[in-house]
Amino acid sequence: MLAIVCPGQGAQSPGMLSPWLELASARDSLELSTDAAGLDLIALGTAADADTIRDTSIAQPLLVATALAAYASLDGVVPGVVAGHSVGEFSAAAVAGVLSPTDAVRLVRARGVAMAAAAAASEPTSMAAILGGDDAEIAQTLLSLDLTPANMNGGGQVVAAGTASAIAELVANPPARARVIELQVAGAFHTRFMAPAVPALAEAASTVIRHNPSIAILTNADGSEVATGDDVVAGLIAQIARPVRWDLCMDTLIALGVTGIIELAPGGVLSGLAKRSMKGVPSVALKTPDDLEAALELSRSVA
């Protein structure tokens, strides 16, 4: 079974859209996303600097637009299951047929604006990746600093979130045998600090047409398959202030018998996690059109 996975925030980089514009299918997809977002995503994805596209209200629609452009270039490949990490769940919802691509981008633009506002309204917050270390010691350290394990990513990676001062303390004094890297994000996503953004996204989603999934789709809440379009959208709204359990998503992919993974652009992180937690399952990170042939070959081999 083939899985398609969709990356989350932090995967963006300056100029990442430039090579995709050479493909007609990707360009058409990006033009539709630009109209839906009300932002010149093509300019932002080709000419904007890292600080500009780090802005949550820009990064999120840009990431979803990039993932959907890459998917449009896969010549009709249909996976057996799809999942997304954090904002990548909106890309996954479009791949699974729950949302139209334009509605996915429109909603994620509303999400990004609401989350940026929530971050600006709170005390300074941040996030940091913890790599390695003992699980129990990490849990105790986070508890002592009043930090939330916002992303349980598997493969020995936990992302902590909370006040900027607590994150600075974590970076300065990491748990034993662990490495801590502060992330380039604008706030403590998937924590209580994002609760004010939930009603805004709920309002934006209230009039969106949703369909039941045509492809199995997993939720970040607990890694389970979601059966209805209404439940998918409800999950997209709730996950703003709820931890991401990507570790459980990978457990489900294993249980389903997935034998190949394609990570949509601008990927790399999720396929790396899969190599550590889903050993023996081949993956392709579809970062640029140069990776298309490898992705298509993988899809053919597991069909």
Protein backbone atom coordinates (compact mmCIF):
# COMPACT_ATOMS: atom_id res chain seq x y z
CA MET A 1 0.00 0.00 0.00
CA LEU A 2 1.22 3.49 -0.88
CA ALA A 3 1.00 6.33 1.65
CA ILE A 4 1.25 10.01 0.79
CA VAL A 5 2.28 12.27 3.66
CA CYS A 6 2.22 16.06 3.79
CA PRO A 7 4.77 18.18 5.69
CA GLY A 8 4.11 20.79 8.35
CA GLN A 9 5.36 24.25 9.19
CA GLY A 10 9.10 24.76 9.22
CA ALA A 11 9.62 22.86 5.97
CA GLN A 12 9.47 26.05 3.89
CA SER A 13 12.58 27.59 2.33
CA PRO A 14 13.21 30.60 0.06
CA GLY A 15 12.71 29.90 -3.64
CA MET A 16 11.11 26.51 -3.12
CA LEU A 17 8.42 27.10 -5.76
CA SER A 18 10.78 28.09 -8.57
CA PRO A 19 11.39 24.61 -10.04
CA TRP A 20 7.69 23.67 -9.82
CA LEU A 21 6.66 26.57 -12.03
CA GLU A 22 8.29 24.80 -14.97
CA LEU A 23 5.52 22.16 -14.85
CA ALA A 24 2.15 23.18 -16.29
CA SER A 25 0.16 21.09 -13.80
CA ALA A 26 1.99 22.58 -10.82
CA ARG A 27 1.72 26.13 -12.15
CA ASP A 28 -2.03 25.75 -12.71
CA SER A 29 -2.43 24.45 -9.15
CA LEU A 30 -0.37 27.33 -7.74
CA GLU A 31 -2.37 29.93 -9.62
CA LEU A 32 -5.59 28.55 -8.14
CA SER A 33 -4.02 28.54 -4.67
CA THR A 34 -2.87 32.14 -5.08
CA ASP A 35 -6.43 33.22 -5.87
CA ALA A 36 -7.82 31.24 -2.93
CA ALA A 37 -5.32 32.63 -0.42
CA GLY A 38 -5.56 36.23 -1.56
CA LEU A 39 -1.77 36.28 -1.51
CA ASP A 40 0.76 36.21 -4.32
CA LEU A 41 2.02 32.79 -3.29
CA ILE A 42 4.05 32.43 -6.47
CA ALA A 43 6.04 35.58 -5.70
CA LEU A 44 6.38 34.58 -2.05
CA GLY A 45 7.58 31.10 -2.99
CA THR A 46 10.14 32.32 -5.49
CA ALA A 47 11.45 35.73 -4.37
CA ALA A 48 10.67 36.24 -0.67
CA ASP A 49 13.35 35.83 1.98
CA ALA A 50 13.32 33.41 4.90
CA ASP A 51 12.00 35.95 7.42
CA THR A 52 9.06 36.81 5.19
CA ILE A 53 7.92 33.24 4.65
CA ARG A 54 8.46 32.41 8.31
CA ASP A 55 5.40 34.56 9.08
CA THR A 56 2.74 32.07 10.13
CA SER A 57 0.01 33.71 8.06
CA ILE A 58 2.19 33.29 4.95
CA ALA A 59 4.03 30.05 5.69
CA GLN A 60 0.91 27.96 6.18
CA PRO A 61 -0.90 28.66 2.87
CA LEU A 62 2.43 28.56 1.07
CA LEU A 63 3.19 25.09 2.41
CA VAL A 64 -0.23 23.70 1.51
CA ALA A 65 -0.08 25.26 -1.95
CA THR A 66 3.36 23.71 -2.53
CA ALA A 67 2.23 20.25 -1.41
CA LEU A 68 -0.86 20.37 -3.65
CA ALA A 69 1.20 21.56 -6.63
CA ALA A 70 3.51 18.59 -6.14
CA TYR A 71 0.54 16.22 -5.89
CA ALA A 72 -0.92 17.66 -9.10
CA SER A 73 2.34 16.67 -10.81
CA LEU A 74 2.12 13.00 -9.84
CA ASP A 75 0.14 12.00 -12.95
CA GLY A 76 -2.96 10.82 -11.10
CA VAL A 77 -1.23 8.67 -8.49
CA VAL A 78 -3.83 7.57 -5.92
CA PRO A 79 -2.47 6.38 -2.55
CA GLY A 80 -4.11 3.89 -0.25
CA VAL A 81 -3.81 6.24 2.72
CA VAL A 82 -2.87 9.86 3.34
CA ALA A 83 -1.79 11.81 6.42
CA GLY A 84 -0.42 15.25 7.16
CA HIS A 85 1.65 16.72 9.96
CA SER A 86 -0.03 19.74 11.60
CA VAL A 87 -0.85 22.19 8.78
CA GLY A 88 -0.11 19.31 6.41
CA GLU A 89 -3.46 17.84 7.47
CA PHE A 90 -5.10 20.46 5.23
CA SER A 91 -3.08 19.19 2.27
CA ALA A 92 -4.04 15.64 3.22
CA ALA A 93 -7.73 16.60 3.38
CA ALA A 94 -7.53 17.88 -0.19
CA VAL A 95 -5.70 14.76 -1.43
CA ALA A 96 -8.35 12.59 0.26
CA GLY A 97 -11.14 14.53 -1.47
CA VAL A 98 -12.61 15.93 1.76
CA LEU A 99 -11.92 19.54 0.75
CA SER A 100 -11.35 21.07 -2.65
CA PRO A 101 -7.76 22.29 -3.06
CA THR A 102 -8.93 25.90 -3.11
CA ASP A 103 -10.98 25.48 0.06
CA ALA A 104 -8.01 23.83 1.78
CA VAL A 105 -5.81 26.82 0.93
CA ARG A 106 -8.50 29.34 1.87
CA LEU A 107 -9.04 27.69 5.24
CA VAL A 108 -5.37 27.38 6.01
CA ARG A 109 -4.90 31.06 5.23
CA ALA A 110 -7.59 31.80 7.85
CA ARG A 111 -5.82 29.40 10.21
CA GLY A 112 -2.47 31.10 9.73
CA VAL A 113 -3.88 34.57 10.32
CA ALA A 114 -5.70 33.41 13.45
CA MET A 115 -2.65 31.61 14.85
CA ALA A 116 -0.40 34.60 14.16
CA ALA A 117 -2.87 36.82 16.02
CA ALA A 118 -3.00 34.39 18.94
CA ALA A 119 0.79 34.32 19.13
CA ALA A 120 1.01 38.11 19.04
CA ALA A 121 -1.61 38.49 21.77
CA SER A 122 0.16 36.21 24.26
CA GLU A 123 3.45 36.53 26.06
CA PRO A 124 6.41 35.56 23.81
CA THR A 125 6.29 31.84 23.03
CA SER A 126 8.38 29.42 21.02
CA MET A 127 9.07 25.77 20.20
CA ALA A 128 12.14 23.54 20.23
CA ALA A 129 12.93 20.07 18.91
CA ILE A 130 14.43 17.59 21.36
CA LEU A 131 16.47 14.90 19.63
CA GLY A 132 17.47 11.79 21.55
CA GLY A 133 17.57 11.43 25.32
CA ASP A 134 15.51 9.37 27.76
CA ASP A 135 11.73 9.64 27.39
CA ALA A 136 11.05 9.76 31.13
CA GLU A 137 13.71 12.39 31.76
CA ILE A 138 12.42 14.51 28.87
CA ALA A 139 8.87 14.30 30.22
CA GLN A 140 10.05 15.38 33.68
CA THR A 141 12.09 18.26 32.25
CA LEU A 142 9.14 19.56 30.26
CA LEU A 143 6.87 19.29 33.29
CA SER A 144 9.31 21.24 35.44
CA LEU A 145 9.48 24.03 32.86
CA ASP A 146 5.70 24.05 32.20
CA LEU A 147 6.34 23.13 28.58
CA THR A 148 3.99 21.04 26.42
CA PRO A 149 5.13 18.10 24.24
CA ALA A 150 3.36 19.68 21.27
CA ASN A 151 4.62 17.25 18.64
CA MET A 152 5.35 13.62 19.45
CA ASN A 153 7.10 12.78 16.21
CA GLY A 154 8.58 9.36 16.89
CA GLY A 155 12.07 8.44 15.84
CA GLY A 156 13.47 9.95 19.04
CA GLN A 157 12.06 13.41 18.37
CA VAL A 158 9.75 15.48 20.58
CA VAL A 159 8.90 19.13 19.97
CA ALA A 160 8.35 21.18 23.12
CA ALA A 161 6.33 24.40 23.18
CA GLY A 162 5.62 27.12 25.68
CA THR A 163 6.95 30.46 26.85
CA ALA A 164 10.07 31.77 25.14
CA SER A 165 11.86 31.99 28.48
CA ALA A 166 11.17 28.33 29.24
CA ILE A 167 12.32 27.29 25.78
CA ALA A 168 15.53 29.30 26.29
CA GLU A 169 16.07 27.45 29.57
CA LEU A 170 15.52 24.11 27.79
CA VAL A 171 18.05 25.01 25.09
CA ALA A 172 20.59 26.11 27.69
CA ASN A 173 20.11 23.01 29.86
CA PRO A 174 18.98 20.09 27.70
CA PRO A 175 18.10 16.68 29.14
CA ALA A 176 21.00 14.24 29.33
CA ARG A 177 22.10 12.77 25.99
CA ALA A 178 19.61 15.00 24.14
CA ARG A 179 20.15 17.80 21.65
CA VAL A 180 17.73 20.76 21.65
CA ILE A 181 17.18 23.02 18.64
CA GLU A 182 14.90 26.05 18.80
CA LEU A 183 12.58 26.15 15.79
CA GLN A 184 11.93 29.05 13.43
CA VAL A 185 8.26 29.45 14.28
CA ALA A 186 6.23 32.38 15.57
CA GLY A 187 4.62 30.81 18.62
CA ALA A 188 3.75 27.80 20.75
CA PHE A 189 1.60 25.92 18.25
CA HIS A 190 -0.61 23.02 19.38
CA THR A 191 -0.80 24.31 22.95
CA ARG A 192 -3.20 26.34 25.10
CA PHE A 193 -1.63 29.50 23.70
CA MET A 194 -3.39 28.82 20.39
CA ALA A 195 -6.88 28.38 21.86
CA PRO A 196 -7.99 31.90 20.77
CA ALA A 197 -7.46 30.86 17.12
CA VAL A 198 -9.93 27.96 17.27
CA PRO A 199 -13.18 30.00 16.98
CA ALA A 200 -11.86 31.96 13.99
CA LEU A 201 -11.08 28.79 12.04
CA ALA A 202 -14.39 27.24 13.07
CA GLU A 203 -16.21 30.24 11.64
CA ALA A 204 -14.23 30.10 8.39
CA ALA A 205 -14.96 26.37 8.07
CA SER A 206 -18.67 26.65 8.82
CA THR A 207 -19.70 27.22 5.21
CA VAL A 208 -17.13 25.00 3.50
CA ILE A 209 -18.42 22.03 1.53
CA ARG A 210 -16.89 18.82 2.78
CA HIS A 211 -17.13 15.26 1.45
CA ASN A 212 -16.46 11.92 3.02
CA PRO A 213 -12.91 10.76 2.29
CA SER A 214 -12.35 8.92 -0.98
CA ILE A 215 -8.94 7.83 0.38
CA ALA A 216 -8.25 6.69 3.94
CA ILE A 217 -7.06 9.67 6.00
CA LEU A 218 -5.45 9.64 9.45
CA THR A 219 -5.78 12.21 12.21
CA ASN A 220 -2.94 13.79 14.20
CA ALA A 221 -5.07 13.47 17.33
CA ASP A 222 -4.42 9.74 17.83
CA GLY A 223 -3.33 8.32 14.47
CA SER A 224 -6.71 6.74 13.75
CA GLU A 225 -8.54 6.72 10.42
CA VAL A 226 -11.30 9.34 10.12
CA ALA A 227 -14.50 8.15 8.47
CA THR A 228 -16.46 11.29 7.61
CA GLY A 229 -15.78 14.67 6.12
CA ASP A 230 -17.43 16.39 9.06
CA ASP A 231 -15.07 14.63 11.46
CA VAL A 232 -12.04 15.51 9.33
CA VAL A 233 -12.95 19.20 9.40
CA ALA A 234 -13.68 19.08 13.14
CA GLY A 235 -10.22 17.62 13.63
CA LEU A 236 -8.61 20.34 11.53
CA ILE A 237 -10.18 22.93 13.80
CA ALA A 238 -9.35 21.23 17.10
CA GLN A 239 -5.72 20.43 16.26
CA ILE A 240 -4.71 24.11 16.46
CA ALA A 241 -4.55 23.81 20.25
CA ARG A 242 -3.97 20.05 20.53
CA PRO A 243 -0.69 18.10 20.39
CA VAL A 244 0.32 16.34 17.16
CA ARG A 245 0.80 12.58 17.56
CA TRP A 246 2.76 11.80 14.41
CA ASP A 247 4.24 8.80 16.20
CA LEU A 248 0.77 7.25 16.34
CA CYS A 249 0.14 8.10 12.68
CA MET A 250 3.26 6.11 11.77
CA ASP A 251 2.11 3.24 13.98
CA THR A 252 -1.15 3.14 12.01
CA LEU A 253 0.68 3.26 8.68
CA ILE A 254 2.64 0.21 9.77
CA ALA A 255 -0.52 -1.57 10.95
CA LEU A 256 -2.21 -0.87 7.60
CA GLY A 257 0.64 -2.57 5.76
CA VAL A 258 2.09 0.48 4.03
CA THR A 259 4.99 -0.54 1.81
CA GLY A 260 5.97 2.82 0.32
CA ILE A 261 5.77 6.51 1.28
CA ILE A 262 5.83 9.65 -0.85
CA GLU A 263 6.27 12.89 1.08
CA LEU A 264 4.95 15.86 -0.85
CA ALA A 265 6.97 19.04 -1.33
CA PRO A 266 8.70 20.72 0.35
CA GLY A 267 9.29 17.51 2.22
CA GLY A 268 12.15 15.75 3.91
CA VAL A 269 11.31 15.71 7.61
CA LEU A 270 8.52 13.10 7.53
CA SER A 271 10.39 10.73 5.24
CA GLY A 272 13.37 11.05 7.59
CA LEU A 273 11.20 10.14 10.57
CA ALA A 274 9.81 7.18 8.63
CA LYS A 275 13.30 5.85 7.97
CA ARG A 276 13.89 5.70 11.72
CA SER A 277 10.45 4.49 12.85
CA MET A 278 9.21 2.50 9.83
CA LYS A 279 12.40 0.60 9.04
CA GLY A 280 12.37 -1.22 5.73
CA VAL A 281 9.59 0.91 4.22
CA PRO A 282 11.02 2.84 1.24
CA SER A 283 10.22 6.53 0.97
CA VAL A 284 10.74 9.37 -1.47
CA ALA A 285 10.81 13.02 -0.44
CA LEU A 286 9.32 14.89 -3.39
CA LYS A 287 11.28 18.11 -2.86
CA THR A 288 11.60 19.22 -6.49
CA PRO A 289 10.47 17.95 -9.91
CA ASP A 290 13.81 16.12 -10.10
CA ASP A 291 12.33 13.67 -7.58
CA LEU A 292 9.21 12.95 -9.63
CA GLU A 293 10.57 9.91 -11.46
CA ALA A 294 11.66 8.26 -8.20
CA ALA A 295 8.24 8.98 -6.68
CA LEU A 296 6.41 7.56 -9.68
CA GLU A 297 8.62 4.48 -9.71
CA LEU A 298 7.88 3.90 -6.04
CA SER A 299 4.15 4.27 -6.65
CA ARG A 300 4.32 1.70 -9.44
CA SER A 301 6.29 -0.74 -7.31
CA VAL A 302 3.73 -0.78 -4.49
CA ALA A 303 0.56 -0.56 -6.61
